Amino acid sequence: MCRNIKILFNFDPPANDEEIRAAALQYVRKISGYNTPSQVNEEVFNKAIDEVAAATEKLLKGLVTHAEHKNREEEAAKAHARAVKRFGLES
C-alpha cells in the first residue's frame, strides 16, 4: 500500500472532502505511475480521481464500528514516534 495514503476511517472529526480527495489523488498516482499526467491523459486522470474520491466517501459513510473514535493528534504523534525509531530522525 502506498505509504502516503492515510487511514481515514473512525476519526473525530470525520475525514473531510480535502482529505478524501488527497487520498484518491495518491491512489491514482500510484496506480497510473504518473505524478502529473500528460495533457492527453489529464482528463481521464482527473476523472479517475473524482471516481475514487466518490467511492471512498461512499465507503467511509457505510462502514460501521463500535470502537472509540481515534484522535488525529495522538495518531500523528504515534506515527512521528515510529518514524523517529525507524529512521533515527528527530524534528
Protein backbone atom coordinates (compact mmCIF):
# COMPACT_ATOMS: atom_id res chain seq x y z
CA MET A 1 0.00 0.00 0.00
CA CYS A 2 1.18 3.50 -0.71
CA ARG A 3 2.56 4.99 2.49
CA ASN A 4 1.23 8.44 1.58
CA ILE A 5 -2.37 7.27 1.77
CA LYS A 6 -3.56 7.76 5.34
CA ILE A 7 -6.28 5.87 7.16
CA LEU A 8 -9.43 7.99 7.01
CA PHE A 9 -11.95 5.87 8.90
CA ASN A 10 -13.05 6.29 12.52
CA PHE A 11 -11.64 9.70 13.31
CA ASP A 12 -13.32 12.52 15.17
CA PRO A 13 -13.95 14.76 13.33
CA PRO A 14 -14.57 12.54 10.27
CA ALA A 15 -12.40 12.83 7.17
CA ASN A 16 -13.27 15.88 5.11
CA ASP A 17 -13.55 16.23 1.33
CA GLU A 18 -9.99 17.55 1.06
CA GLU A 19 -8.52 14.51 2.86
CA ILE A 20 -10.60 12.11 0.77
CA ARG A 21 -9.53 13.80 -2.46
CA ALA A 22 -5.85 13.78 -1.39
CA ALA A 23 -6.05 10.03 -0.73
CA ALA A 24 -7.75 9.49 -4.11
CA LEU A 25 -5.02 11.52 -5.83
CA GLN A 26 -2.27 9.43 -4.19
CA TYR A 27 -4.03 6.22 -5.18
CA VAL A 28 -4.44 7.27 -8.82
CA ARG A 29 -0.81 8.46 -8.95
CA LYS A 30 0.38 5.13 -7.59
CA ILE A 31 -1.74 3.03 -9.92
CA SER A 32 -1.05 5.09 -13.05
CA GLY A 33 2.62 5.74 -12.40
CA TYR A 34 2.10 9.42 -13.15
CA ASN A 35 2.79 12.19 -10.67
CA THR A 36 1.40 14.65 -13.18
CA PRO A 37 -0.27 13.23 -16.29
CA SER A 38 0.42 14.39 -19.82
CA GLN A 39 -2.17 16.62 -21.46
CA VAL A 40 -3.56 13.68 -23.41
CA ASN A 41 -4.13 11.73 -20.16
CA GLU A 42 -5.19 14.62 -17.93
CA GLU A 43 -8.94 14.23 -18.45
CA VAL A 44 -9.04 10.51 -17.67
CA PHE A 45 -6.62 11.02 -14.75
CA ASN A 46 -8.86 13.69 -13.17
CA LYS A 47 -11.99 11.61 -13.81
CA ALA A 48 -10.35 8.68 -12.02
CA ILE A 49 -9.56 10.90 -9.03
CA ASP A 50 -13.21 12.03 -8.88
CA GLU A 51 -14.48 8.44 -9.10
CA VAL A 52 -12.06 7.11 -6.47
CA ALA A 53 -12.96 10.01 -4.15
CA ALA A 54 -16.67 9.29 -4.59
CA ALA A 55 -16.16 5.58 -3.91
CA THR A 56 -14.05 6.41 -0.85
CA GLU A 57 -16.69 8.75 0.54
CA LYS A 58 -19.38 6.11 -0.01
CA LEU A 59 -17.22 3.50 1.72
CA LEU A 60 -16.46 5.73 4.73
CA LYS A 61 -20.15 6.58 5.16
CA GLY A 62 -21.11 2.90 5.01
CA LEU A 63 -18.54 1.48 7.41
CA VAL A 64 -19.66 0.71 10.96
CA THR A 65 -17.56 0.23 14.08
CA HIS A 66 -18.13 0.10 17.79
CA ALA A 67 -14.57 1.18 18.53
CA GLU A 68 -13.90 4.61 20.00
CA HIS A 69 -13.03 7.35 17.53
CA LYS A 70 -9.31 7.99 17.06
CA ASN A 71 -7.76 11.33 17.90
CA ARG A 72 -5.86 12.83 14.96
CA GLU A 73 -3.19 14.48 17.10
CA GLU A 74 -2.49 11.28 19.06
CA GLU A 75 -2.26 9.22 15.87
CA ALA A 76 0.09 11.79 14.30
CA ALA A 77 2.30 11.68 17.40
CA LYS A 78 2.43 7.87 17.24
CA ALA A 79 3.36 7.99 13.55
CA HIS A 80 6.10 10.52 14.29
CA ALA A 81 7.50 8.31 17.07
CA ARG A 82 7.56 5.32 14.69
CA ALA A 83 9.40 7.40 12.07
CA VAL A 84 11.96 8.55 14.61
CA LYS A 85 12.55 4.96 15.69
CA ARG A 86 12.71 3.70 12.10
CA PHE A 87 14.78 6.45 10.51
CA GLY A 88 16.51 7.99 13.53
CA LEU A 89 15.26 11.43 12.61
CA GLU A 90 14.19 13.98 15.18
CA SER A 91 12.29 17.07 14.14
